[in-house]
Amino acid sequence: MKYVVILEEGSESWGAYVPDLPGCVAAGETRQEALQLIREAIEFHLDGMREDGDPIPEPHSYSEVIQVSAA
């Protein structure tokens, strides 16, 4: 499955979360570290859902980048 991951750059770190998996978050010092950690977090999250007998949600979030003038 492919899930949308939202990355946010902070002043000293990067955060990541998955809109389709509430509570599935990660943070790292770099963008690459945050991506690696969120991949692991997704796998851990889904494993926990399977163990609890919860249904695995189908991805339903999408993303687009919209460019606008800030002037």
PDB file of N, CA and C in Angstrom:
ATOM      1  N   MET A   1       0.830  -1.181   0.000  1.00  0.00           N
ATOM      2  CA  MET A   1       0.000   0.000   0.000  1.00  0.00           C
ATOM      3  C   MET A   1       0.874   1.244   0.000  1.00  0.00           C
ATOM      4  N   LYS A   2       0.334   2.299  -0.546  1.00  0.00           N
ATOM      5  CA  LYS A   2       1.035   3.575  -0.559  1.00  0.00           C
ATOM      6  C   LYS A   2       0.221   4.579   0.240  1.00  0.00           C
ATOM      7  N   TYR A   3       0.845   5.160   1.263  1.00  0.00           N
ATOM      8  CA  TYR A   3       0.201   6.169   2.090  1.00  0.00           C
ATOM      9  C   TYR A   3       0.872   7.514   1.874  1.00  0.00           C
ATOM     10  N   VAL A   4       0.087   8.580   1.893  1.00  0.00           N
ATOM     11  CA  VAL A   4       0.628   9.937   1.824  1.00  0.00           C
ATOM     12  C   VAL A   4       1.306  10.238   3.151  1.00  0.00           C
ATOM     13  N   VAL A   5       2.517  10.764   3.076  1.00  0.00           N
ATOM     14  CA  VAL A   5       3.264  11.207   4.251  1.00  0.00           C
ATOM     15  C   VAL A   5       3.452  12.711   4.134  1.00  0.00           C
ATOM     16  N   ILE A   6       3.101  13.423   5.185  1.00  0.00           N
ATOM     17  CA  ILE A   6       3.292  14.864   5.230  1.00  0.00           C
ATOM     18  C   ILE A   6       4.583  15.136   5.995  1.00  0.00           C
ATOM     19  N   LEU A   7       5.469  15.898   5.371  1.00  0.00           N
ATOM     20  CA  LEU A   7       6.740  16.280   5.998  1.00  0.00           C
ATOM     21  C   LEU A   7       6.684  17.759   6.346  1.00  0.00           C
ATOM     22  N   GLU A   8       7.159  18.092   7.535  1.00  0.00           N
ATOM     23  CA  GLU A   8       7.201  19.484   7.966  1.00  0.00           C
ATOM     24  C   GLU A   8       8.603  19.797   8.486  1.00  0.00           C
ATOM     25  N   GLU A   9       9.183  20.856   7.940  1.00  0.00           N
ATOM     26  CA  GLU A   9      10.516  21.264   8.376  1.00  0.00           C
ATOM     27  C   GLU A   9      10.384  22.243   9.534  1.00  0.00           C
ATOM     28  N   GLY A  10      10.989  21.896  10.657  1.00  0.00           N
ATOM     29  CA  GLY A  10      11.017  22.780  11.815  1.00  0.00           C
ATOM     30  C   GLY A  10      12.338  23.529  11.871  1.00  0.00           C
ATOM     31  N   SER A  11      12.517  24.304  12.900  1.00  0.00           N
ATOM     32  CA  SER A  11      13.750  25.085  13.016  1.00  0.00           C
ATOM     33  C   SER A  11      14.976  24.206  13.264  1.00  0.00           C
ATOM     34  N   GLU A  12      14.776  23.048  13.891  1.00  0.00           N
ATOM     35  CA  GLU A  12      15.919  22.176  14.199  1.00  0.00           C
ATOM     36  C   GLU A  12      15.692  20.715  13.840  1.00  0.00           C
ATOM     37  N   SER A  13      14.510  20.393  13.280  1.00  0.00           N
ATOM     38  CA  SER A  13      14.227  18.992  12.968  1.00  0.00           C
ATOM     39  C   SER A  13      13.130  18.910  11.906  1.00  0.00           C
ATOM     40  N   TRP A  14      12.846  17.687  11.492  1.00  0.00           N
ATOM     41  CA  TRP A  14      11.784  17.408  10.532  1.00  0.00           C
ATOM     42  C   TRP A  14      10.748  16.518  11.206  1.00  0.00           C
ATOM     43  N   GLY A  15       9.485  16.780  10.940  1.00  0.00           N
ATOM     44  CA  GLY A  15       8.405  15.944  11.437  1.00  0.00           C
ATOM     45  C   GLY A  15       7.693  15.295  10.269  1.00  0.00           C
ATOM     46  N   ALA A  16       7.065  14.158  10.529  1.00  0.00           N
ATOM     47  CA  ALA A  16       6.319  13.445   9.495  1.00  0.00           C
ATOM     48  C   ALA A  16       5.094  12.806  10.122  1.00  0.00           C
ATOM     49  N   TYR A  17       4.000  12.798   9.355  1.00  0.00           N
ATOM     50  CA  TYR A  17       2.809  12.095   9.816  1.00  0.00           C
ATOM     51  C   TYR A  17       2.021  11.570   8.624  1.00  0.00           C
ATOM     52  N   VAL A  18       1.130  10.626   8.919  1.00  0.00           N
ATOM     53  CA  VAL A  18       0.349   9.956   7.885  1.00  0.00           C
ATOM     54  C   VAL A  18      -1.128  10.249   8.146  1.00  0.00           C
ATOM     55  N   PRO A  19      -1.768  11.077   7.307  1.00  0.00           N
ATOM     56  CA  PRO A  19      -3.171  11.427   7.544  1.00  0.00           C
ATOM     57  C   PRO A  19      -4.115  10.224   7.630  1.00  0.00           C
ATOM     58  N   ASP A  20      -3.834   9.168   6.897  1.00  0.00           N
ATOM     59  CA  ASP A  20      -4.706   7.994   6.894  1.00  0.00           C
ATOM     60  C   ASP A  20      -4.486   7.069   8.089  1.00  0.00           C
ATOM     61  N   LEU A  21      -3.449   7.339   8.885  1.00  0.00           N
ATOM     62  CA  LEU A  21      -3.148   6.513  10.059  1.00  0.00           C
ATOM     63  C   LEU A  21      -2.986   7.429  11.277  1.00  0.00           C
ATOM     64  N   PRO A  22      -4.089   7.873  11.860  1.00  0.00           N
ATOM     65  CA  PRO A  22      -4.004   8.793  12.990  1.00  0.00           C
ATOM     66  C   PRO A  22      -3.076   8.267  14.090  1.00  0.00           C
ATOM     67  N   GLY A  23      -2.200   9.137  14.553  1.00  0.00           N
ATOM     68  CA  GLY A  23      -1.242   8.768  15.592  1.00  0.00           C
ATOM     69  C   GLY A  23       0.070   8.234  15.057  1.00  0.00           C
ATOM     70  N   CYS A  24       0.174   8.053  13.768  1.00  0.00           N
ATOM     71  CA  CYS A  24       1.408   7.539  13.165  1.00  0.00           C
ATOM     72  C   CYS A  24       2.291   8.732  12.806  1.00  0.00           C
ATOM     73  N   VAL A  25       3.291   8.982  13.643  1.00  0.00           N
ATOM     74  CA  VAL A  25       4.150  10.158  13.494  1.00  0.00           C
ATOM     75  C   VAL A  25       5.611   9.781  13.705  1.00  0.00           C
ATOM     76  N   ALA A  26       6.495  10.646  13.244  1.00  0.00           N
ATOM     77  CA  ALA A  26       7.930  10.459  13.448  1.00  0.00           C
ATOM     78  C   ALA A  26       8.620  11.809  13.344  1.00  0.00           C
ATOM     79  N   ALA A  27       9.796  11.902  13.924  1.00  0.00           N
ATOM     80  CA  ALA A  27      10.602  13.119  13.828  1.00  0.00           C
ATOM     81  C   ALA A  27      12.062  12.725  13.709  1.00  0.00           C
ATOM     82  N   GLY A  28      12.801  13.502  12.924  1.00  0.00           N
ATOM     83  CA  GLY A  28      14.222  13.240  12.743  1.00  0.00           C
ATOM     84  C   GLY A  28      14.989  14.527  12.561  1.00  0.00           C
ATOM     85  N   GLU A  29      16.289  14.438  12.673  1.00  0.00           N
ATOM     86  CA  GLU A  29      17.138  15.625  12.518  1.00  0.00           C
ATOM     87  C   GLU A  29      17.206  16.093  11.071  1.00  0.00           C
ATOM     88  N   THR A  30      17.035  15.159  10.133  1.00  0.00           N
ATOM     89  CA  THR A  30      17.082  15.497   8.709  1.00  0.00           C
ATOM     90  C   THR A  30      15.828  14.975   8.026  1.00  0.00           C
ATOM     91  N   ARG A  31      15.593  15.459   6.814  1.00  0.00           N
ATOM     92  CA  ARG A  31      14.448  14.991   6.033  1.00  0.00           C
ATOM     93  C   ARG A  31      14.555  13.490   5.789  1.00  0.00           C
ATOM     94  N   GLN A  32      15.744  13.032   5.429  1.00  0.00           N
ATOM     95  CA  GLN A  32      15.953  11.613   5.157  1.00  0.00           C
ATOM     96  C   GLN A  32      15.708  10.769   6.397  1.00  0.00           C
ATOM     97  N   GLU A  33      16.167  11.237   7.546  1.00  0.00           N
ATOM     98  CA  GLU A  33      15.948  10.490   8.784  1.00  0.00           C
ATOM     99  C   GLU A  33      14.447  10.429   9.104  1.00  0.00           C
ATOM    100  N   ALA A  34      13.740  11.537   8.936  1.00  0.00           N
ATOM    101  CA  ALA A  34      12.302  11.547   9.185  1.00  0.00           C
ATOM    102  C   ALA A  34      11.587  10.572   8.252  1.00  0.00           C
ATOM    103  N   LEU A  35      11.995  10.515   6.992  1.00  0.00           N
ATOM    104  CA  LEU A  35      11.387   9.576   6.047  1.00  0.00           C
ATOM    105  C   LEU A  35      11.644   8.127   6.446  1.00  0.00           C
ATOM    106  N   GLN A  36      12.857   7.829   6.857  1.00  0.00           N
ATOM    107  CA  GLN A  36      13.175   6.461   7.284  1.00  0.00           C
ATOM    108  C   GLN A  36      12.372   6.091   8.531  1.00  0.00           C
ATOM    109  N   LEU A  37      12.294   7.029   9.479  1.00  0.00           N
ATOM    110  CA  LEU A  37      11.575   6.744  10.716  1.00  0.00           C
ATOM    111  C   LEU A  37      10.069   6.621  10.496  1.00  0.00           C
ATOM    112  N   ILE A  38       9.503   7.397   9.580  1.00  0.00           N
ATOM    113  CA  ILE A  38       8.062   7.274   9.341  1.00  0.00           C
ATOM    114  C   ILE A  38       7.758   5.969   8.616  1.00  0.00           C
ATOM    115  N   ARG A  39       8.655   5.514   7.763  1.00  0.00           N
ATOM    116  CA  ARG A  39       8.465   4.198   7.124  1.00  0.00           C
ATOM    117  C   ARG A  39       8.395   3.113   8.201  1.00  0.00           C
ATOM    118  N   GLU A  40       9.326   3.164   9.149  1.00  0.00           N
ATOM    119  CA  GLU A  40       9.323   2.195  10.252  1.00  0.00           C
ATOM    120  C   GLU A  40       8.074   2.352  11.115  1.00  0.00           C
ATOM    121  N   ALA A  41       7.645   3.596  11.342  1.00  0.00           N
ATOM    122  CA  ALA A  41       6.457   3.849  12.149  1.00  0.00           C
ATOM    123  C   ALA A  41       5.203   3.289  11.476  1.00  0.00           C
ATOM    124  N   ILE A  42       5.111   3.438  10.154  1.00  0.00           N
ATOM    125  CA  ILE A  42       3.965   2.891   9.420  1.00  0.00           C
ATOM    126  C   ILE A  42       3.924   1.380   9.569  1.00  0.00           C
ATOM    127  N   GLU A  43       5.059   0.723   9.371  1.00  0.00           N
ATOM    128  CA  GLU A  43       5.114  -0.731   9.488  1.00  0.00           C
ATOM    129  C   GLU A  43       4.719  -1.171  10.898  1.00  0.00           C
ATOM    130  N   PHE A  44       5.232  -0.473  11.914  1.00  0.00           N
ATOM    131  CA  PHE A  44       4.921  -0.789  13.310  1.00  0.00           C
ATOM    132  C   PHE A  44       3.430  -0.562  13.580  1.00  0.00           C
ATOM    133  N   HIS A  45       2.894   0.540  13.087  1.00  0.00           N
ATOM    134  CA  HIS A  45       1.486   0.884  13.266  1.00  0.00           C
ATOM    135  C   HIS A  45       0.586  -0.192  12.657  1.00  0.00           C
ATOM    136  N   LEU A  46       0.896  -0.592  11.422  1.00  0.00           N
ATOM    137  CA  LEU A  46       0.089  -1.609  10.753  1.00  0.00           C
ATOM    138  C   LEU A  46       0.208  -2.959  11.440  1.00  0.00           C
ATOM    139  N   ASP A  47       1.405  -3.310  11.909  1.00  0.00           N
ATOM    140  CA  ASP A  47       1.577  -4.561  12.654  1.00  0.00           C
ATOM    141  C   ASP A  47       0.697  -4.557  13.898  1.00  0.00           C
ATOM    142  N   GLY A  48       0.665  -3.442  14.606  1.00  0.00           N
ATOM    143  CA  GLY A  48      -0.163  -3.332  15.804  1.00  0.00           C
ATOM    144  C   GLY A  48      -1.647  -3.469  15.489  1.00  0.00           C
ATOM    145  N   MET A  49      -2.068  -2.872  14.384  1.00  0.00           N
ATOM    146  CA  MET A  49      -3.468  -2.983  13.978  1.00  0.00           C
ATOM    147  C   MET A  49      -3.820  -4.434  13.661  1.00  0.00           C
ATOM    148  N   ARG A  50      -2.917  -5.127  12.962  1.00  0.00           N
ATOM    149  CA  ARG A  50      -3.161  -6.541  12.637  1.00  0.00           C
ATOM    150  C   ARG A  50      -3.276  -7.369  13.911  1.00  0.00           C
ATOM    151  N   GLU A  51      -2.347  -7.152  14.856  1.00  0.00           N
ATOM    152  CA  GLU A  51      -2.359  -7.898  16.114  1.00  0.00           C
ATOM    153  C   GLU A  51      -3.643  -7.654  16.898  1.00  0.00           C
ATOM    154  N   ASP A  52      -4.181  -6.444  16.818  1.00  0.00           N
ATOM    155  CA  ASP A  52      -5.410  -6.100  17.535  1.00  0.00           C
ATOM    156  C   ASP A  52      -6.661  -6.518  16.776  1.00  0.00           C
ATOM    157  N   GLY A  53      -6.478  -7.030  15.559  1.00  0.00           N
ATOM    158  CA  GLY A  53      -7.617  -7.447  14.759  1.00  0.00           C
ATOM    159  C   GLY A  53      -8.348  -6.292  14.098  1.00  0.00           C
ATOM    160  N   ASP A  54      -7.711  -5.125  14.056  1.00  0.00           N
ATOM    161  CA  ASP A  54      -8.321  -3.960  13.422  1.00  0.00           C
ATOM    162  C   ASP A  54      -8.127  -4.026  11.908  1.00  0.00           C
ATOM    163  N   PRO A  55      -9.087  -3.529  11.152  1.00  0.00           N
ATOM    164  CA  PRO A  55      -8.918  -3.502   9.695  1.00  0.00           C
ATOM    165  C   PRO A  55      -7.850  -2.486   9.296  1.00  0.00           C
ATOM    166  N   ILE A  56      -7.092  -2.831   8.279  1.00  0.00           N
ATOM    167  CA  ILE A  56      -6.068  -1.918   7.758  1.00  0.00           C
ATOM    168  C   ILE A  56      -6.771  -0.929   6.826  1.00  0.00           C
ATOM    169  N   PRO A  57      -6.663   0.378   7.122  1.00  0.00           N
ATOM    170  CA  PRO A  57      -7.370   1.355   6.296  1.00  0.00           C
ATOM    171  C   PRO A  57      -6.752   1.487   4.904  1.00  0.00           C
ATOM    172  N   GLU A  58      -7.629   1.569   3.935  1.00  0.00           N
ATOM    173  CA  GLU A  58      -7.174   1.845   2.577  1.00  0.00           C
ATOM    174  C   GLU A  58      -6.733   3.308   2.518  1.00  0.00           C
ATOM    175  N   PRO A  59      -5.679   3.583   1.780  1.00  0.00           N
ATOM    176  CA  PRO A  59      -5.270   4.983   1.617  1.00  0.00           C
ATOM    177  C   PRO A  59      -6.373   5.777   0.929  1.00  0.00           C
ATOM    178  N   HIS A  60      -6.657   6.973   1.452  1.00  0.00           N
ATOM    179  CA  HIS A  60      -7.663   7.814   0.819  1.00  0.00           C
ATOM    180  C   HIS A  60      -7.263   9.291   0.810  1.00  0.00           C
ATOM    181  N   SER A  61      -6.022   9.571   1.213  1.00  0.00           N
ATOM    182  CA  SER A  61      -5.523  10.948   1.175  1.00  0.00           C
ATOM    183  C   SER A  61      -4.676  11.140  -0.076  1.00  0.00           C
ATOM    184  N   TYR A  62      -4.725  12.354  -0.602  1.00  0.00           N
ATOM    185  CA  TYR A  62      -3.961  12.693  -1.799  1.00  0.00           C
ATOM    186  C   TYR A  62      -3.267  14.022  -1.552  1.00  0.00           C
ATOM    187  N   SER A  63      -2.276  14.329  -2.340  1.00  0.00           N
ATOM    188  CA  SER A  63      -1.580  15.599  -2.164  1.00  0.00           C
ATOM    189  C   SER A  63      -1.346  16.264  -3.512  1.00  0.00           C
ATOM    190  N   GLU A  64      -1.310  17.545  -3.471  1.00  0.00           N
ATOM    191  CA  GLU A  64      -0.975  18.373  -4.623  1.00  0.00           C
ATOM    192  C   GLU A  64      -0.180  19.566  -4.102  1.00  0.00           C
ATOM    193  N   VAL A  65       0.701  20.062  -4.906  1.00  0.00           N
ATOM    194  CA  VAL A  65       1.416  21.296  -4.583  1.00  0.00           C
ATOM    195  C   VAL A  65       0.803  22.393  -5.437  1.00  0.00           C
ATOM    196  N   ILE A  66       0.346  23.435  -4.777  1.00  0.00           N
ATOM    197  CA  ILE A  66      -0.301  24.555  -5.457  1.00  0.00           C
ATOM    198  C   ILE A  66       0.593  25.782  -5.326  1.00  0.00           C
ATOM    199  N   GLN A  67       0.958  26.373  -6.435  1.00  0.00           N
ATOM    200  CA  GLN A  67       1.790  27.561  -6.423  1.00  0.00           C
ATOM    201  C   GLN A  67       0.915  28.806  -6.544  1.00  0.00           C
ATOM    202  N   VAL A  68       1.121  29.761  -5.633  1.00  0.00           N
ATOM    203  CA  VAL A  68       0.390  31.024  -5.671  1.00  0.00           C
ATOM    204  C   VAL A  68       1.360  32.177  -5.460  1.00  0.00           C
ATOM    205  N   SER A  69       0.975  33.340  -5.858  1.00  0.00           N
ATOM    206  CA  SER A  69       1.790  34.516  -5.623  1.00  0.00           C
ATOM    207  C   SER A  69       1.603  34.985  -4.191  1.00  0.00           C
ATOM    208  N   ALA A  70       2.686  35.255  -3.492  1.00  0.00           N
ATOM    209  CA  ALA A  70       2.600  35.715  -2.108  1.00  0.00           C
ATOM    210  C   ALA A  70       2.658  37.232  -2.025  1.00  0.00           C
ATOM    211  N   ALA A  71       2.717  37.902  -3.159  1.00  0.00           N
ATOM    212  CA  ALA A  71       2.826  39.368  -3.164  1.00  0.00           C
ATOM    213  C   ALA A  71       1.521  40.037  -2.850  1.00  0.00           C
TER     214      ALA A  71
END
